[in-house]
N, C-alpha and C. Protein backbone atom coordinates (compact mmCIF):
# COMPACT_ATOMS: atom_id res chain seq x y z
N MET A 1 -27.89 12.34 -9.92
CA MET A 1 -27.77 10.89 -9.40
C MET A 1 -26.77 10.49 -11.34
N TYR A 2 -27.34 11.73 -12.16
CA TYR A 2 -26.67 11.10 -13.39
C TYR A 2 -24.95 11.02 -13.75
N TRP A 3 -24.43 12.31 -13.30
CA TRP A 3 -22.79 12.00 -12.36
C TRP A 3 -22.43 10.52 -12.30
N PHE A 4 -23.29 9.91 -11.33
CA PHE A 4 -22.72 8.73 -10.90
C PHE A 4 -23.15 7.32 -11.63
N ASP A 5 -24.25 7.50 -12.42
CA ASP A 5 -24.68 6.68 -13.24
C ASP A 5 -23.92 6.49 -14.11
N SER A 6 -23.11 8.36 -15.24
CA SER A 6 -22.10 8.27 -15.89
C SER A 6 -20.74 7.42 -15.33
N ALA A 7 -20.70 7.64 -14.09
CA ALA A 7 -18.76 7.30 -13.69
C ALA A 7 -19.01 5.90 -14.04
N TYR A 8 -20.38 5.35 -13.32
CA TYR A 8 -19.85 3.92 -12.63
C TYR A 8 -20.38 2.78 -14.52
N GLU A 9 -20.31 4.08 -15.52
CA GLU A 9 -20.43 3.06 -16.62
C GLU A 9 -19.40 3.31 -17.45
N ALA A 10 -18.86 4.88 -16.95
CA ALA A 10 -17.71 4.44 -17.25
C ALA A 10 -16.19 3.75 -17.08
N VAL A 11 -16.01 3.82 -15.27
CA VAL A 11 -15.37 2.91 -14.99
C VAL A 11 -15.44 1.24 -15.30
N SER A 12 -16.82 0.52 -15.57
CA SER A 12 -17.49 -0.49 -15.70
C SER A 12 -16.80 -0.56 -17.28
N ARG A 13 -17.03 -0.40 -18.14
CA ARG A 13 -16.37 -0.30 -19.42
C ARG A 13 -14.89 -0.24 -19.27
N PHE A 14 -13.90 1.03 -18.42
CA PHE A 14 -12.42 0.24 -18.48
C PHE A 14 -12.60 -0.76 -18.08
N MET A 15 -13.14 -1.55 -16.74
CA MET A 15 -12.65 -2.74 -16.17
C MET A 15 -12.94 -4.12 -17.64
N ASP A 16 -14.37 -3.95 -18.36
CA ASP A 16 -14.25 -4.60 -19.23
C ASP A 16 -13.24 -4.45 -20.56
N MET A 17 -12.71 -3.70 -20.68
CA MET A 17 -11.04 -3.04 -21.76
C MET A 17 -10.27 -4.11 -20.74
N GLY A 18 -10.62 -4.27 -19.51
CA GLY A 18 -8.94 -4.84 -18.91
C GLY A 18 -9.05 -6.14 -18.35
N GLY A 19 -9.80 -6.50 -18.91
CA GLY A 19 -9.90 -7.98 -18.88
C GLY A 19 -10.24 -8.09 -17.16
N ASN A 20 -9.90 -9.10 -16.28
CA ASN A 20 -9.31 -9.96 -15.46
C ASN A 20 -9.33 -9.09 -14.63
N VAL A 21 -7.54 -9.35 -14.89
CA VAL A 21 -6.31 -8.99 -13.72
C VAL A 21 -6.99 -7.91 -13.55
N LEU A 22 -7.06 -6.77 -14.11
CA LEU A 22 -7.71 -5.40 -14.28
C LEU A 22 -8.41 -5.39 -12.54
N TRP A 23 -9.48 -6.53 -12.45
CA TRP A 23 -9.97 -6.05 -10.88
C TRP A 23 -9.25 -6.99 -10.27
N LEU A 24 -7.82 -7.39 -10.15
CA LEU A 24 -7.32 -7.81 -9.01
C LEU A 24 -6.46 -6.80 -8.94
N ILE A 25 -6.52 -5.71 -9.56
CA ILE A 25 -5.42 -4.45 -9.33
C ILE A 25 -6.00 -3.46 -8.53
N ALA A 26 -7.98 -4.02 -9.09
CA ALA A 26 -8.61 -2.71 -8.06
C ALA A 26 -8.51 -3.28 -6.95
N ILE A 27 -8.85 -4.66 -6.81
CA ILE A 27 -8.73 -5.47 -5.00
C ILE A 27 -7.63 -5.32 -4.94
N LEU A 28 -6.44 -4.70 -5.06
CA LEU A 28 -4.81 -5.00 -4.73
C LEU A 28 -5.45 -3.42 -4.05
N LEU A 29 -5.45 -2.67 -5.11
CA LEU A 29 -5.16 -1.12 -4.59
C LEU A 29 -6.03 -0.02 -3.85
N PHE A 30 -7.18 -1.27 -3.74
CA PHE A 30 -8.14 -0.95 -2.43
C PHE A 30 -7.79 -1.31 -1.07
N VAL A 31 -7.08 -2.57 -0.98
CA VAL A 31 -6.41 -2.93 0.29
C VAL A 31 -4.98 -1.85 0.03
N MET A 32 -4.12 -1.99 -0.83
CA MET A 32 -3.64 -1.15 0.00
C MET A 32 -3.63 0.48 0.54
N TRP A 33 -4.89 0.69 0.34
CA TRP A 33 -5.31 2.40 -0.14
C TRP A 33 -5.99 2.21 2.09
N ALA A 34 -6.73 0.90 2.17
CA ALA A 34 -7.86 1.08 2.98
C ALA A 34 -6.43 0.99 4.29
N LEU A 35 -4.58 0.22 4.10
CA LEU A 35 -3.93 -0.13 4.61
C LEU A 35 -3.30 1.73 5.27
N ILE A 36 -3.25 2.10 4.76
CA ILE A 36 -3.07 3.03 4.10
C ILE A 36 -3.05 4.17 4.92
N PHE A 37 -4.53 4.41 4.91
CA PHE A 37 -5.63 4.85 5.67
C PHE A 37 -5.69 4.60 6.84
N GLU A 38 -5.72 3.32 7.58
CA GLU A 38 -5.44 2.77 8.51
C GLU A 38 -3.88 3.77 9.68
N ARG A 39 -3.15 3.69 8.97
CA ARG A 39 -1.74 3.91 9.42
C ARG A 39 -2.18 5.86 9.44
N ALA A 40 -2.62 6.13 8.11
CA ALA A 40 -2.63 7.76 8.92
C ALA A 40 -4.02 8.04 9.86
N TRP A 41 -4.76 7.68 10.20
CA TRP A 41 -5.54 7.79 11.33
C TRP A 41 -4.79 7.31 12.20
N TYR A 42 -4.17 6.10 12.10
CA TYR A 42 -3.59 5.81 14.08
C TYR A 42 -2.61 6.89 13.85
N PHE A 43 -1.71 7.74 12.74
CA PHE A 43 -0.80 8.55 13.27
C PHE A 43 -1.68 10.14 14.17
N LYS A 44 -2.60 10.55 13.63
CA LYS A 44 -3.56 10.95 14.30
C LYS A 44 -4.44 11.37 14.86
N THR A 45 -4.87 9.44 15.06
CA THR A 45 -5.73 8.98 16.55
C THR A 45 -4.88 8.48 18.10
N GLY A 46 -4.53 6.60 17.79
CA GLY A 46 -4.28 6.58 17.85
C GLY A 46 -2.02 6.48 19.36
N TRP A 47 -1.74 6.94 17.79
CA TRP A 47 -0.44 7.03 18.20
C TRP A 47 -0.03 8.25 19.95
N LYS A 48 -0.96 8.91 19.76
CA LYS A 48 -0.64 9.82 20.50
C LYS A 48 -0.64 9.65 22.32
N LYS A 49 -2.19 9.01 21.71
CA LYS A 49 -2.02 7.67 23.26
C LYS A 49 -1.13 6.84 23.52
N ASP A 50 -0.70 6.43 22.39
CA ASP A 50 0.19 5.48 22.67
C ASP A 50 1.78 5.92 23.30
N VAL A 51 1.74 6.67 22.51
CA VAL A 51 3.14 7.63 23.57
C VAL A 51 2.65 8.38 24.77
N ALA A 52 2.09 8.74 25.18
CA ALA A 52 1.22 9.73 26.78
C ALA A 52 1.65 8.29 27.03
N ASP A 53 1.15 7.51 27.16
CA ASP A 53 1.38 5.73 27.57
C ASP A 53 2.28 5.67 28.36
N ALA A 54 2.78 5.02 27.14
CA ALA A 54 4.86 5.08 26.69
C ALA A 54 5.58 5.77 28.03
N ILE A 55 5.37 6.95 27.64
CA ILE A 55 6.39 8.41 28.62
C ILE A 55 5.24 8.55 30.11
N GLY A 56 4.73 7.96 30.36
CA GLY A 56 3.65 8.05 31.73
C GLY A 56 4.26 6.34 32.65
N ASN A 57 4.15 5.58 31.80
CA ASN A 57 4.99 4.70 32.34
C ASN A 57 6.06 4.68 32.77
N TRP A 58 7.26 5.67 31.56
CA TRP A 58 8.31 5.14 32.09
C TRP A 58 8.87 6.85 32.83
N GLU A 59 8.33 7.84 32.72
CA GLU A 59 8.23 8.89 33.72
C GLU A 59 7.52 8.65 35.42
N GLY A 60 6.81 7.69 35.19
CA GLY A 60 5.99 7.28 36.71
C GLY A 60 7.50 6.81 37.43
N ARG A 61 8.49 6.56 36.87
CA ARG A 61 9.54 5.59 37.47
C ARG A 61 10.29 6.03 38.24
N LYS A 62 10.40 5.08 39.58
CA LYS A 62 11.37 6.71 40.88
C LYS A 62 12.86 6.59 39.96
N GLU A 63 13.59 5.61 39.25
CA GLU A 63 14.81 4.99 38.87
C GLU A 63 15.22 4.62 38.02
N ARG A 64 15.97 5.39 36.64
CA ARG A 64 16.48 5.25 35.68
C ARG A 64 17.19 5.17 34.65
N LYS A 65 18.49 4.20 36.13
CA LYS A 65 19.54 4.80 35.35
C LYS A 65 20.59 3.35 35.21
N SER A 66 19.98 2.23 35.55
CA SER A 66 20.11 0.97 36.38
C SER A 66 20.04 0.14 34.99
N TRP A 67 20.29 -1.00 34.69
CA TRP A 67 20.06 -2.22 33.22
C TRP A 67 18.83 -2.43 33.46
N GLU A 68 18.08 -2.61 34.70
CA GLU A 68 17.18 -2.63 34.01
C GLU A 68 16.02 -1.76 34.08
N ALA A 69 16.42 -0.53 34.07
CA ALA A 69 15.58 0.30 33.81
C ALA A 69 15.87 0.31 31.99
N HIS A 70 16.99 0.56 31.26
CA HIS A 70 17.41 0.93 29.92
C HIS A 70 16.63 -0.36 29.44
N ALA A 71 16.60 -1.41 30.32
CA ALA A 71 16.14 -2.95 29.14
C ALA A 71 14.46 -2.42 29.50
N ILE A 72 13.77 -1.47 30.52
CA ILE A 72 12.62 -1.70 30.12
C ILE A 72 11.96 -0.44 28.80
N ARG A 73 13.01 0.56 29.18
CA ARG A 73 12.85 1.34 28.19
C ARG A 73 12.45 0.93 27.56
N GLU A 74 14.44 -0.30 26.82
CA GLU A 74 13.82 -0.36 25.03
C GLU A 74 12.23 -1.41 24.63
N LYS A 75 12.08 -2.05 25.83
CA LYS A 75 10.62 -2.47 25.65
C LYS A 75 10.05 -1.49 25.34
N LEU A 76 9.54 -0.30 26.10
CA LEU A 76 8.89 0.26 25.97
C LEU A 76 8.88 0.48 24.58
N ILE A 77 10.33 1.50 23.46
CA ILE A 77 10.59 1.64 22.87
C ILE A 77 10.47 0.74 21.77
N SER A 78 10.68 -0.34 21.76
CA SER A 78 10.12 -1.73 20.68
C SER A 78 8.59 -1.88 20.80
N GLN A 79 6.78 -2.09 22.05
CA GLN A 79 6.85 -2.36 21.57
C GLN A 79 6.08 -0.78 20.66
N CYS A 80 5.52 0.31 21.20
CA CYS A 80 5.35 1.54 20.12
C CYS A 80 5.82 1.45 19.05
N ARG A 81 6.89 0.57 18.39
CA ARG A 81 7.63 0.74 17.44
C ARG A 81 7.04 -0.39 16.50
N MET A 82 6.71 -1.64 17.39
CA MET A 82 5.51 -2.62 16.72
C MET A 82 4.46 -1.87 16.58
N ARG A 83 3.97 -1.06 17.15
CA ARG A 83 2.19 -0.43 16.32
C ARG A 83 2.63 0.44 15.45
N ILE A 84 3.56 0.92 15.86
CA ILE A 84 3.42 2.21 14.32
C ILE A 84 3.82 1.70 13.66
N ASN A 85 5.08 0.36 13.25
CA ASN A 85 4.86 -0.07 12.10
C ASN A 85 4.70 -1.46 11.69
N GLN A 86 3.16 -1.49 12.26
CA GLN A 86 1.88 -2.73 12.23
C GLN A 86 2.19 -3.06 10.27
N TYR A 87 1.74 -2.41 9.72
CA TYR A 87 1.38 -2.43 8.55
C TYR A 87 2.12 -2.14 7.54
N LEU A 88 3.60 -1.35 7.50
CA LEU A 88 4.13 -1.05 6.49
C LEU A 88 4.73 -2.23 5.98
N PRO A 89 5.24 -3.19 6.04
CA PRO A 89 5.81 -3.98 5.26
C PRO A 89 4.67 -5.14 4.58
N VAL A 90 3.78 -4.53 5.05
CA VAL A 90 2.46 -4.71 3.57
C VAL A 90 2.04 -4.01 2.71
N ILE A 91 2.35 -3.11 2.68
CA ILE A 91 1.64 -2.18 1.74
C ILE A 91 2.73 -1.58 1.20
N LYS A 92 4.16 -1.91 1.62
CA LYS A 92 5.61 -2.01 0.83
C LYS A 92 5.77 -3.37 0.01
N THR A 93 4.57 -4.26 0.32
CA THR A 93 4.38 -5.62 -0.39
C THR A 93 3.23 -5.38 -1.26
N LEU A 94 2.03 -4.69 -1.58
CA LEU A 94 1.21 -4.60 -2.04
C LEU A 94 1.79 -3.41 -3.74
N VAL A 95 2.44 -2.38 -2.53
CA VAL A 95 3.00 -1.99 -3.71
C VAL A 95 3.61 -1.70 -4.77
N ALA A 96 4.33 -3.60 -4.47
CA ALA A 96 5.09 -4.16 -5.33
C ALA A 96 4.84 -4.82 -5.73
N LEU A 97 3.42 -5.75 -5.91
CA LEU A 97 2.41 -6.53 -6.51
C LEU A 97 2.11 -5.84 -7.51
N CYS A 98 1.43 -4.85 -7.02
CA CYS A 98 0.60 -3.54 -8.58
C CYS A 98 1.07 -3.85 -10.23
N PRO A 99 2.53 -3.79 -9.61
CA PRO A 99 3.49 -3.72 -11.48
C PRO A 99 3.57 -5.00 -12.10
N LEU A 100 3.29 -6.08 -10.53
CA LEU A 100 3.35 -8.05 -11.31
C LEU A 100 2.78 -7.81 -11.64
N LEU A 101 0.89 -7.49 -11.29
CA LEU A 101 -0.52 -8.38 -11.89
C LEU A 101 -0.19 -7.37 -12.93
N GLY A 102 0.29 -6.05 -12.50
CA GLY A 102 -0.43 -5.17 -14.52
C GLY A 102 0.83 -6.42 -16.11
N LEU A 103 1.90 -6.62 -15.57
CA LEU A 103 2.73 -7.35 -15.89
C LEU A 103 2.15 -8.78 -16.25
N LEU A 104 1.11 -8.97 -15.71
CA LEU A 104 0.47 -11.17 -15.97
C LEU A 104 -0.79 -10.54 -17.12
N GLY A 105 -1.03 -8.54 -16.47
CA GLY A 105 -2.71 -8.69 -17.53
C GLY A 105 -1.82 -8.38 -19.26
N THR A 106 -0.74 -7.76 -18.63
CA THR A 106 0.48 -7.73 -20.73
C THR A 106 0.27 -8.67 -20.97
N VAL A 107 0.68 -10.45 -20.07
CA VAL A 107 1.35 -11.08 -21.15
C VAL A 107 -0.38 -12.11 -20.97
N THR A 108 -1.41 -11.90 -20.43
CA THR A 108 -2.63 -12.40 -20.99
C THR A 108 -3.08 -11.97 -21.84
N GLY A 109 -2.82 -10.64 -22.33
CA GLY A 109 -3.74 -9.94 -23.03
C GLY A 109 -2.36 -10.32 -24.72
N MET A 110 -1.21 -10.27 -24.49
CA MET A 110 -0.73 -10.80 -25.58
C MET A 110 -1.43 -12.83 -26.00
N ILE A 111 -1.48 -13.17 -24.64
CA ILE A 111 -1.86 -14.69 -25.35
C ILE A 111 -2.85 -14.61 -26.28
N GLU A 112 -3.72 -13.49 -25.75
CA GLU A 112 -5.57 -13.39 -26.96
C GLU A 112 -4.75 -13.11 -27.75
N VAL A 113 -4.17 -11.92 -28.10
CA VAL A 113 -3.86 -11.97 -29.83
C VAL A 113 -3.19 -12.99 -30.62
N PHE A 114 -2.17 -13.61 -29.41
CA PHE A 114 -1.74 -14.93 -30.54
C PHE A 114 -2.66 -15.73 -31.15
N ASN A 115 -3.44 -16.08 -30.17
CA ASN A 115 -4.54 -16.81 -30.07
C ASN A 115 -5.73 -16.19 -31.32
N ILE A 116 -5.82 -14.68 -31.45
CA ILE A 116 -6.29 -14.41 -32.28
C ILE A 116 -5.89 -14.34 -33.81
N MET A 117 -4.07 -14.93 -33.93
CA MET A 117 -3.78 -14.82 -34.90
C MET A 117 -3.21 -15.71 -35.24
N ALA A 118 -3.77 -17.10 -33.96
CA ALA A 118 -3.13 -18.68 -35.05
C ALA A 118 -4.56 -18.82 -35.82
N VAL A 119 -5.80 -18.12 -35.31
CA VAL A 119 -7.06 -18.76 -35.46
C VAL A 119 -7.40 -17.92 -36.53
N THR A 120 -6.95 -16.70 -37.07
CA THR A 120 -6.98 -15.88 -38.56
C THR A 120 -6.26 -16.00 -39.40
N GLY A 121 -5.07 -16.70 -38.52
CA GLY A 121 -4.03 -16.02 -39.65
C GLY A 121 -3.01 -14.93 -39.56
N GLY A 122 -3.42 -14.50 -38.75
CA GLY A 122 -2.87 -12.91 -38.36
C GLY A 122 -3.44 -12.16 -39.76
N GLY A 123 -4.49 -12.13 -40.19
CA GLY A 123 -4.90 -11.21 -41.21
C GLY A 123 -5.55 -10.24 -40.20
N ASP A 124 -6.13 -10.41 -39.19
CA ASP A 124 -7.41 -9.95 -39.36
C ASP A 124 -7.17 -8.41 -37.42
N ALA A 125 -6.60 -7.70 -38.16
CA ALA A 125 -5.80 -6.66 -37.17
C ALA A 125 -6.51 -6.05 -36.25
N LYS A 126 -7.80 -5.76 -36.76
CA LYS A 126 -8.57 -5.07 -35.47
C LYS A 126 -8.75 -5.87 -34.29
N SER A 127 -9.32 -7.15 -34.28
CA SER A 127 -8.80 -8.12 -33.84
C SER A 127 -8.48 -7.79 -32.94
N MET A 128 -6.78 -8.12 -33.63
CA MET A 128 -5.24 -8.51 -32.81
C MET A 128 -5.20 -7.00 -32.23
N ALA A 129 -5.33 -5.76 -32.62
CA ALA A 129 -5.75 -4.59 -31.92
C ALA A 129 -6.06 -4.00 -30.01
N GLY A 130 -7.61 -5.03 -30.09
CA GLY A 130 -7.94 -4.96 -28.87
C GLY A 130 -8.03 -6.37 -28.24
N GLY A 131 -7.22 -6.77 -27.75
CA GLY A 131 -5.63 -8.07 -27.75
C GLY A 131 -4.84 -7.01 -26.95
N VAL A 132 -3.71 -6.47 -28.13
CA VAL A 132 -2.81 -5.34 -27.69
C VAL A 132 -4.05 -4.59 -26.50
N SER A 133 -4.75 -3.93 -27.22
CA SER A 133 -5.47 -3.13 -25.66
C SER A 133 -5.78 -3.49 -24.70
N ARG A 134 -5.94 -4.79 -25.00
CA ARG A 134 -6.08 -5.67 -23.84
C ARG A 134 -4.82 -6.01 -22.72
N ALA A 135 -3.79 -5.25 -23.79
CA ALA A 135 -2.50 -6.46 -22.85
C ALA A 135 -1.80 -3.81 -21.90
N THR A 136 -1.87 -3.96 -22.36
CA THR A 136 -2.00 -2.37 -22.33
C THR A 136 -2.78 -1.76 -20.77
N ILE A 137 -4.01 -2.29 -20.83
CA ILE A 137 -4.53 -1.37 -19.88
C ILE A 137 -4.04 -1.62 -18.73
N PRO A 138 -3.67 -3.52 -18.34
CA PRO A 138 -3.51 -3.15 -17.21
C PRO A 138 -1.91 -3.45 -16.63
N THR A 139 -0.89 -3.30 -17.47
CA THR A 139 0.55 -2.56 -17.42
C THR A 139 0.22 -0.50 -16.63
N MET A 140 -0.83 -0.31 -17.96
CA MET A 140 -1.15 1.33 -16.97
C MET A 140 -1.78 0.78 -15.64
N ALA A 141 -2.75 0.66 -15.39
CA ALA A 141 -3.14 0.50 -14.35
C ALA A 141 -2.32 -0.01 -13.03
N GLY A 142 -1.56 -1.00 -13.21
CA GLY A 142 -0.73 -1.65 -12.55
C GLY A 142 0.63 -0.61 -11.50
N MET A 143 0.94 0.46 -13.00
CA MET A 143 1.60 1.07 -12.99
C MET A 143 1.26 2.62 -12.04
N VAL A 144 0.37 3.20 -12.46
CA VAL A 144 -0.48 4.31 -11.70
C VAL A 144 -0.62 3.44 -10.39
N ALA A 145 -1.02 2.51 -10.25
CA ALA A 145 -1.35 1.73 -8.60
C ALA A 145 -0.40 1.93 -8.05
N ALA A 146 0.55 1.71 -8.00
CA ALA A 146 2.64 1.17 -7.67
C ALA A 146 3.00 2.60 -7.38
N LEU A 147 2.99 3.63 -8.70
CA LEU A 147 3.68 4.89 -8.03
C LEU A 147 2.74 5.83 -7.10
N SER A 148 1.42 5.30 -7.57
CA SER A 148 0.24 5.99 -5.97
C SER A 148 1.32 6.04 -5.02
N GLY A 149 0.94 4.10 -4.59
CA GLY A 149 1.29 3.93 -2.91
C GLY A 149 2.88 4.39 -3.15
N VAL A 150 3.30 4.26 -3.47
CA VAL A 150 4.51 4.69 -3.59
C VAL A 150 4.52 6.24 -2.49
N PHE A 151 4.01 6.48 -3.04
CA PHE A 151 4.23 8.04 -2.75
C PHE A 151 3.53 7.49 -0.88
N ALA A 152 2.91 7.54 -1.51
CA ALA A 152 1.87 7.20 0.12
C ALA A 152 2.48 6.26 1.11
N ASN A 153 3.25 5.03 0.68
CA ASN A 153 3.96 4.32 1.49
C ASN A 153 4.98 5.60 2.04
N THR A 154 5.96 6.28 0.54
CA THR A 154 7.50 6.44 1.69
C THR A 154 6.79 7.59 2.87
N TYR A 155 5.18 8.67 2.81
CA TYR A 155 5.16 9.22 3.32
C TYR A 155 4.62 8.68 4.92
N VAL A 156 4.06 7.61 4.82
CA VAL A 156 3.58 6.68 6.12
C VAL A 156 5.32 6.23 6.83
N THR A 157 5.83 5.75 5.99
CA THR A 157 6.93 5.52 6.14
C THR A 157 7.72 6.67 6.93
N ARG A 158 7.76 7.70 6.35
CA ARG A 158 8.59 8.69 6.99
C ARG A 158 8.04 9.53 8.47
N VAL A 159 6.45 8.97 8.50
CA VAL A 159 6.32 9.81 9.59
C VAL A 159 6.59 9.00 10.76
N ALA A 160 6.15 7.59 10.32
CA ALA A 160 6.80 6.77 10.97
C ALA A 160 8.16 7.02 12.24
N GLU A 161 9.04 7.15 11.21
CA GLU A 161 10.60 6.62 11.04
C GLU A 161 10.54 8.36 12.67
N ARG A 162 10.10 9.50 11.90
CA ARG A 162 10.29 10.63 12.87
C ARG A 162 9.35 10.49 14.15
N GLU A 163 8.38 9.76 14.27
CA GLU A 163 7.25 9.49 15.62
C GLU A 163 8.24 9.00 16.23
N SER A 164 8.51 7.67 15.72
CA SER A 164 10.03 6.48 16.83
C SER A 164 10.61 7.47 17.56
N ALA A 165 11.25 7.99 16.42
CA ALA A 165 12.84 8.75 17.26
C ALA A 165 11.95 10.44 17.83
N PHE A 166 10.94 10.76 17.93
CA PHE A 166 10.63 11.14 19.11
C PHE A 166 10.26 10.28 20.44
N LEU A 167 9.80 9.27 20.01
CA LEU A 167 9.40 8.63 21.50
C LEU A 167 10.86 8.60 21.94
N GLU A 168 11.37 8.41 21.96
CA GLU A 168 12.59 7.54 22.16
C GLU A 168 13.68 8.45 22.32
N ASP A 169 13.84 10.17 22.00
CA ASP A 169 14.27 11.36 22.41
C ASP A 169 13.46 11.70 23.60
N ASN A 170 11.88 11.51 24.18
CA ASN A 170 11.06 11.95 25.42
C ASN A 170 11.85 10.94 26.09
N LEU A 171 11.75 9.61 26.38
CA LEU A 171 12.20 8.89 26.62
C LEU A 171 13.63 9.33 27.03
N THR A 172 14.24 9.97 28.30
CA THR A 172 14.75 9.89 28.91
C THR A 172 15.92 10.07 29.88
N THR A 173 16.83 9.19 30.09
CA THR A 173 17.22 8.46 31.50
C THR A 173 18.29 9.81 31.79
N ASP A 174 17.79 10.75 32.10
CA ASP A 174 19.11 11.60 33.07
C ASP A 174 18.49 11.74 34.43
N HIS A 175 17.19 11.18 34.59
CA HIS A 175 16.88 12.16 35.97
C HIS A 175 17.25 10.49 36.62
């Protein structure tokens, strides 16, 4: 239990050093990774059922060459693509927001530095260093969060594209 208290203390100290914007980045990071894990879980479990249902529905048709059959095929593919791409635009947006919130932390930290300079006349280097530190920590956190999200978003996007192509290839019209 000691390691938990130690980790909690370290995280709490880091969050205090970064200011309020760091809490926004943490919340955004939590939501982003929750959606990424949801998509990964869907690919491992729910997607297989959706593909099996779509292929079963398609293979259950007697006729697959008419215009109506092609429209039904496109509808099945479109419905599956909507399910597979469900949160991908949200994840991409959250990845883009991470560095912007880091930049907001930079601006608020620099405002603190300028405020200290105005009050003390610019002679208190120790106080100014605290403001600069408060400005750089959210920037770093936003960039690290964005980088982790970029890699995960690339992975889930590629899986979605691959599985979507797999479905389209398996709904054949050659019968």
